[in-house]
N, C-alpha and C. Protein backbone atom coordinates (compact mmCIF):
# COMPACT_ATOMS: atom_id res chain seq x y z
N UNK A 1 23.68 -10.52 -4.02
CA UNK A 1 23.35 -9.95 -5.32
C UNK A 1 22.05 -10.52 -5.86
N UNK A 2 21.84 -11.83 -5.65
CA UNK A 2 20.62 -12.46 -6.13
C UNK A 2 19.39 -11.89 -5.43
N UNK A 3 19.54 -11.63 -4.12
CA UNK A 3 18.41 -11.06 -3.37
C UNK A 3 18.07 -9.68 -3.87
N UNK A 4 19.09 -8.88 -4.17
CA UNK A 4 18.87 -7.54 -4.69
C UNK A 4 18.19 -7.58 -6.05
N UNK A 5 18.62 -8.48 -6.91
CA UNK A 5 18.01 -8.64 -8.22
C UNK A 5 16.55 -9.09 -8.09
N UNK A 6 16.31 -10.03 -7.20
CA UNK A 6 14.94 -10.50 -6.96
C UNK A 6 14.05 -9.38 -6.43
N UNK A 7 14.56 -8.59 -5.51
CA UNK A 7 13.81 -7.46 -4.97
C UNK A 7 13.48 -6.46 -6.08
N UNK A 8 14.47 -6.17 -6.91
CA UNK A 8 14.27 -5.25 -8.02
C UNK A 8 13.19 -5.75 -8.98
N UNK A 9 13.23 -7.02 -9.31
CA UNK A 9 12.21 -7.61 -10.19
C UNK A 9 10.82 -7.55 -9.56
N UNK A 10 10.74 -7.82 -8.27
CA UNK A 10 9.45 -7.74 -7.57
C UNK A 10 8.88 -6.33 -7.61
N UNK A 11 9.74 -5.33 -7.39
CA UNK A 11 9.28 -3.94 -7.45
C UNK A 11 8.77 -3.58 -8.84
N UNK A 12 9.48 -4.02 -9.85
CA UNK A 12 9.05 -3.75 -11.23
C UNK A 12 7.71 -4.41 -11.51
N UNK A 13 7.56 -5.66 -11.11
CA UNK A 13 6.30 -6.37 -11.36
C UNK A 13 5.14 -5.74 -10.60
N UNK A 14 5.37 -5.30 -9.37
CA UNK A 14 4.31 -4.65 -8.59
C UNK A 14 3.85 -3.36 -9.27
N UNK A 15 4.81 -2.55 -9.71
CA UNK A 15 4.46 -1.30 -10.38
C UNK A 15 3.78 -1.57 -11.71
N UNK A 16 4.19 -2.61 -12.41
CA UNK A 16 3.53 -2.97 -13.67
C UNK A 16 2.08 -3.37 -13.40
N UNK A 17 1.85 -4.12 -12.33
CA UNK A 17 0.49 -4.55 -12.00
C UNK A 17 -0.37 -3.34 -11.65
N UNK A 18 0.18 -2.37 -10.90
CA UNK A 18 -0.58 -1.15 -10.59
C UNK A 18 -0.95 -0.42 -11.87
N UNK A 19 0.00 -0.31 -12.79
CA UNK A 19 -0.25 0.37 -14.05
C UNK A 19 -1.31 -0.37 -14.86
N UNK A 20 -1.22 -1.69 -14.91
CA UNK A 20 -2.21 -2.49 -15.64
C UNK A 20 -3.60 -2.33 -15.01
N UNK A 21 -3.66 -2.35 -13.68
CA UNK A 21 -4.94 -2.16 -12.99
C UNK A 21 -5.54 -0.80 -13.31
N UNK A 22 -4.72 0.24 -13.33
CA UNK A 22 -5.21 1.58 -13.64
C UNK A 22 -5.71 1.65 -15.08
N UNK A 23 -4.97 1.07 -16.00
CA UNK A 23 -5.43 1.07 -17.40
C UNK A 23 -6.73 0.29 -17.54
N UNK A 24 -6.85 -0.84 -16.86
CA UNK A 24 -8.08 -1.62 -16.92
C UNK A 24 -9.24 -0.85 -16.31
N UNK A 25 -8.99 -0.11 -15.22
CA UNK A 25 -10.04 0.70 -14.62
C UNK A 25 -10.50 1.77 -15.61
N UNK A 26 -9.53 2.40 -16.28
CA UNK A 26 -9.87 3.44 -17.23
C UNK A 26 -10.64 2.87 -18.42
N UNK A 27 -10.37 1.65 -18.80
CA UNK A 27 -11.07 1.02 -19.92
C UNK A 27 -12.40 0.41 -19.50
N UNK A 28 -12.72 0.44 -18.20
CA UNK A 28 -13.98 -0.12 -17.73
C UNK A 28 -13.94 -1.62 -17.53
N UNK A 29 -12.74 -2.22 -17.56
CA UNK A 29 -12.63 -3.66 -17.38
C UNK A 29 -12.82 -4.03 -15.91
N UNK A 30 -12.27 -3.22 -15.01
CA UNK A 30 -12.45 -3.47 -13.58
C UNK A 30 -13.80 -2.89 -13.18
N UNK A 31 -14.66 -3.72 -12.67
CA UNK A 31 -16.01 -3.31 -12.32
C UNK A 31 -16.07 -2.80 -10.88
N UNK A 32 -17.08 -2.00 -10.61
CA UNK A 32 -17.29 -1.46 -9.27
C UNK A 32 -17.93 -2.51 -8.37
N UNK A 33 -17.64 -2.39 -7.08
CA UNK A 33 -18.24 -3.30 -6.10
C UNK A 33 -19.70 -2.91 -5.90
N UNK A 34 -20.53 -3.82 -5.38
CA UNK A 34 -21.94 -3.48 -5.09
C UNK A 34 -22.06 -2.30 -4.12
N UNK A 35 -21.14 -2.20 -3.17
CA UNK A 35 -21.17 -1.07 -2.22
C UNK A 35 -20.90 0.25 -2.93
N UNK A 36 -19.94 0.25 -3.85
CA UNK A 36 -19.64 1.46 -4.61
C UNK A 36 -20.83 1.85 -5.48
N UNK A 37 -21.43 0.89 -6.13
CA UNK A 37 -22.60 1.16 -6.99
C UNK A 37 -23.73 1.75 -6.15
N UNK A 38 -23.97 1.19 -4.98
CA UNK A 38 -25.02 1.69 -4.09
C UNK A 38 -24.75 3.13 -3.68
N UNK A 39 -23.50 3.44 -3.30
CA UNK A 39 -23.16 4.80 -2.88
C UNK A 39 -23.28 5.77 -4.05
N UNK A 40 -22.89 5.36 -5.23
CA UNK A 40 -23.01 6.23 -6.40
C UNK A 40 -24.47 6.52 -6.69
N UNK A 41 -25.34 5.54 -6.54
CA UNK A 41 -26.77 5.76 -6.75
C UNK A 41 -27.34 6.73 -5.71
N UNK A 42 -26.82 6.71 -4.50
CA UNK A 42 -27.25 7.67 -3.47
C UNK A 42 -26.88 9.09 -3.85
N UNK A 43 -25.76 9.25 -4.52
CA UNK A 43 -25.31 10.59 -4.94
C UNK A 43 -26.31 11.20 -5.91
N UNK A 44 -26.98 10.36 -6.70
CA UNK A 44 -27.94 10.86 -7.69
C UNK A 44 -28.96 11.80 -7.05
N UNK A 45 -29.43 11.46 -5.84
CA UNK A 45 -30.41 12.30 -5.15
C UNK A 45 -29.79 13.53 -4.51
N UNK A 46 -28.51 13.45 -4.15
CA UNK A 46 -27.84 14.55 -3.47
C UNK A 46 -27.29 15.59 -4.43
N UNK A 47 -26.66 15.14 -5.48
CA UNK A 47 -25.92 16.03 -6.37
C UNK A 47 -25.84 15.40 -7.76
N UNK A 48 -26.81 15.69 -8.61
CA UNK A 48 -26.92 15.01 -9.90
C UNK A 48 -25.71 15.27 -10.81
N UNK A 49 -25.14 16.49 -10.76
CA UNK A 49 -23.98 16.79 -11.60
C UNK A 49 -22.81 15.88 -11.23
N UNK A 50 -22.53 15.79 -9.93
CA UNK A 50 -21.42 14.93 -9.51
C UNK A 50 -21.75 13.46 -9.72
N UNK A 51 -23.01 13.09 -9.67
CA UNK A 51 -23.41 11.71 -9.94
C UNK A 51 -22.96 11.30 -11.34
N UNK A 52 -23.25 12.15 -12.32
CA UNK A 52 -22.85 11.84 -13.71
C UNK A 52 -21.34 11.78 -13.85
N UNK A 53 -20.63 12.68 -13.17
CA UNK A 53 -19.18 12.67 -13.24
C UNK A 53 -18.61 11.38 -12.63
N UNK A 54 -19.09 11.03 -11.43
CA UNK A 54 -18.59 9.83 -10.75
C UNK A 54 -18.92 8.59 -11.56
N UNK A 55 -20.14 8.53 -12.06
CA UNK A 55 -20.57 7.36 -12.84
C UNK A 55 -19.69 7.18 -14.08
N UNK A 56 -19.26 8.29 -14.67
CA UNK A 56 -18.42 8.24 -15.88
C UNK A 56 -16.93 8.36 -15.57
N UNK A 57 -16.57 8.22 -14.29
CA UNK A 57 -15.18 8.25 -13.83
C UNK A 57 -14.45 9.51 -14.24
N UNK A 58 -15.10 10.65 -14.05
CA UNK A 58 -14.52 11.97 -14.33
C UNK A 58 -14.38 12.72 -13.01
N UNK A 59 -13.52 13.74 -13.00
CA UNK A 59 -13.39 14.60 -11.83
C UNK A 59 -13.42 16.05 -12.27
N UNK A 60 -13.76 16.95 -11.33
CA UNK A 60 -13.73 18.39 -11.57
C UNK A 60 -13.22 19.08 -10.31
N UNK A 61 -12.73 20.29 -10.47
CA UNK A 61 -12.34 21.10 -9.32
C UNK A 61 -13.59 21.38 -8.49
N UNK A 62 -13.48 21.24 -7.19
CA UNK A 62 -14.60 21.45 -6.28
C UNK A 62 -15.30 20.17 -5.89
N UNK A 63 -15.00 19.07 -6.57
CA UNK A 63 -15.60 17.78 -6.24
C UNK A 63 -15.12 17.34 -4.87
N UNK A 64 -15.97 16.67 -4.11
CA UNK A 64 -15.57 16.21 -2.78
C UNK A 64 -14.56 15.08 -2.87
N UNK A 65 -13.81 14.92 -1.80
CA UNK A 65 -12.82 13.85 -1.72
C UNK A 65 -13.49 12.48 -1.85
N UNK A 66 -14.66 12.33 -1.24
CA UNK A 66 -15.41 11.07 -1.35
C UNK A 66 -15.77 10.77 -2.80
N UNK A 67 -16.24 11.78 -3.52
CA UNK A 67 -16.62 11.58 -4.92
C UNK A 67 -15.40 11.27 -5.78
N UNK A 68 -14.25 11.89 -5.46
CA UNK A 68 -13.01 11.56 -6.16
C UNK A 68 -12.70 10.07 -6.00
N UNK A 69 -12.78 9.58 -4.77
CA UNK A 69 -12.46 8.18 -4.50
C UNK A 69 -13.46 7.23 -5.15
N UNK A 70 -14.72 7.62 -5.21
CA UNK A 70 -15.72 6.79 -5.89
C UNK A 70 -15.48 6.80 -7.40
N UNK A 71 -15.05 7.94 -7.92
CA UNK A 71 -14.84 8.07 -9.35
C UNK A 71 -13.58 7.36 -9.82
N UNK A 72 -12.47 7.61 -9.14
CA UNK A 72 -11.18 7.08 -9.59
C UNK A 72 -10.64 5.96 -8.71
N UNK A 73 -11.36 5.61 -7.68
CA UNK A 73 -10.96 4.55 -6.75
C UNK A 73 -9.70 4.92 -5.98
N UNK A 74 -9.15 3.93 -5.31
CA UNK A 74 -8.00 4.13 -4.43
C UNK A 74 -6.75 4.48 -5.24
N UNK A 75 -6.02 5.53 -4.84
CA UNK A 75 -4.78 5.87 -5.55
C UNK A 75 -3.64 4.94 -5.16
N UNK A 76 -2.55 5.08 -5.89
CA UNK A 76 -1.34 4.30 -5.58
C UNK A 76 -0.83 4.67 -4.18
N UNK A 77 -0.88 5.97 -3.88
CA UNK A 77 -0.53 6.44 -2.53
C UNK A 77 -1.10 7.84 -2.34
N UNK A 78 -1.11 8.28 -1.06
CA UNK A 78 -1.59 9.62 -0.70
C UNK A 78 -0.49 10.30 0.09
N UNK A 79 -0.06 11.47 -0.39
CA UNK A 79 0.92 12.28 0.33
C UNK A 79 0.17 13.45 0.96
N UNK A 80 0.54 13.82 2.18
CA UNK A 80 -0.11 14.96 2.83
C UNK A 80 0.95 15.91 3.35
N UNK A 81 0.73 17.19 3.09
CA UNK A 81 1.66 18.19 3.61
C UNK A 81 0.85 19.36 4.16
N UNK A 82 1.37 19.94 5.23
CA UNK A 82 0.72 21.07 5.88
C UNK A 82 1.69 22.24 5.92
N UNK A 83 1.19 23.42 5.57
CA UNK A 83 1.99 24.65 5.56
C UNK A 83 1.18 25.73 6.26
N UNK A 84 1.87 26.63 6.93
CA UNK A 84 1.19 27.67 7.69
C UNK A 84 0.35 28.60 6.81
N UNK A 85 0.80 28.85 5.58
CA UNK A 85 0.07 29.78 4.71
C UNK A 85 -1.10 29.15 3.96
N UNK A 86 -0.96 27.91 3.54
CA UNK A 86 -2.00 27.30 2.70
C UNK A 86 -2.79 26.21 3.40
N UNK A 87 -2.38 25.80 4.59
CA UNK A 87 -3.08 24.73 5.30
C UNK A 87 -2.59 23.37 4.83
N UNK A 88 -3.43 22.37 5.00
CA UNK A 88 -3.05 21.00 4.65
C UNK A 88 -3.58 20.64 3.26
N UNK A 89 -2.73 20.00 2.49
CA UNK A 89 -3.08 19.58 1.14
C UNK A 89 -2.74 18.10 1.00
N UNK A 90 -3.66 17.33 0.42
CA UNK A 90 -3.40 15.94 0.12
C UNK A 90 -3.10 15.81 -1.36
N UNK A 91 -2.15 14.95 -1.67
CA UNK A 91 -1.81 14.65 -3.06
C UNK A 91 -2.13 13.18 -3.31
N UNK A 92 -3.13 12.92 -4.14
CA UNK A 92 -3.49 11.56 -4.51
C UNK A 92 -2.67 11.20 -5.74
N UNK A 93 -1.87 10.15 -5.62
CA UNK A 93 -0.97 9.75 -6.69
C UNK A 93 -1.58 8.56 -7.43
N UNK A 94 -2.01 8.83 -8.68
CA UNK A 94 -2.50 7.77 -9.55
C UNK A 94 -1.38 7.44 -10.54
N UNK A 95 -1.60 6.55 -11.45
CA UNK A 95 -0.54 6.09 -12.35
C UNK A 95 0.11 7.25 -13.09
N UNK A 96 -0.66 8.10 -13.72
CA UNK A 96 -0.08 9.21 -14.48
C UNK A 96 -0.65 10.57 -14.10
N UNK A 97 -1.31 10.66 -12.95
CA UNK A 97 -1.94 11.91 -12.54
C UNK A 97 -1.78 12.12 -11.04
N UNK A 98 -1.52 13.38 -10.66
CA UNK A 98 -1.54 13.80 -9.27
C UNK A 98 -2.79 14.64 -9.07
N UNK A 99 -3.62 14.27 -8.09
CA UNK A 99 -4.82 15.04 -7.78
C UNK A 99 -4.61 15.68 -6.41
N UNK A 100 -4.86 17.00 -6.32
CA UNK A 100 -4.64 17.74 -5.08
C UNK A 100 -5.98 18.05 -4.43
N UNK A 101 -6.06 17.77 -3.12
CA UNK A 101 -7.29 17.97 -2.36
C UNK A 101 -6.98 18.90 -1.19
N UNK A 102 -7.77 19.97 -1.08
CA UNK A 102 -7.63 20.92 0.02
C UNK A 102 -9.00 21.13 0.65
N UNK A 103 -9.07 21.06 1.95
CA UNK A 103 -10.32 21.23 2.70
C UNK A 103 -11.41 20.27 2.21
N UNK A 104 -11.02 19.05 1.85
CA UNK A 104 -11.97 18.02 1.46
C UNK A 104 -12.50 18.14 0.04
N UNK A 105 -11.93 19.06 -0.77
CA UNK A 105 -12.38 19.26 -2.15
C UNK A 105 -11.20 19.18 -3.11
N UNK A 106 -11.45 18.68 -4.31
CA UNK A 106 -10.43 18.65 -5.34
C UNK A 106 -10.10 20.08 -5.71
N UNK A 107 -8.81 20.44 -5.59
CA UNK A 107 -8.42 21.82 -5.91
C UNK A 107 -7.71 21.92 -7.26
N UNK A 108 -7.04 20.84 -7.68
CA UNK A 108 -6.39 20.82 -8.99
C UNK A 108 -5.83 19.42 -9.24
N UNK A 109 -5.29 19.23 -10.44
CA UNK A 109 -4.58 18.00 -10.75
C UNK A 109 -3.60 18.25 -11.88
N UNK A 110 -2.64 17.38 -12.00
CA UNK A 110 -1.66 17.50 -13.08
C UNK A 110 -1.31 16.10 -13.57
N UNK A 111 -1.01 16.02 -14.84
CA UNK A 111 -0.62 14.77 -15.46
C UNK A 111 0.87 14.80 -15.70
N UNK A 112 1.52 13.70 -15.41
CA UNK A 112 2.97 13.64 -15.64
C UNK A 112 3.32 12.57 -16.65
């Protein structure tokens, strides 16, 4: 019983830390790595509209998967499903948002 209680507490603390990290990222407390900053600056020459979005941690439909990851960083997890009619879709699971990517582009998102 003690092991089960300890496991339960660990799971709660891990999820709390993920939530705190996401909130800190949204508040700008967690800073970008030098590699991320360099890649974002490269985007400025390629696609200025997406550069501004990524720099301001925003996303739009049609944005590339790479730009999504630069903008919102690594998700809590990624689910992938493939269907004969719609092809393969990735679901990026963030703290309170699911972002859907199809053919390497953001196709939609929903907040829960």
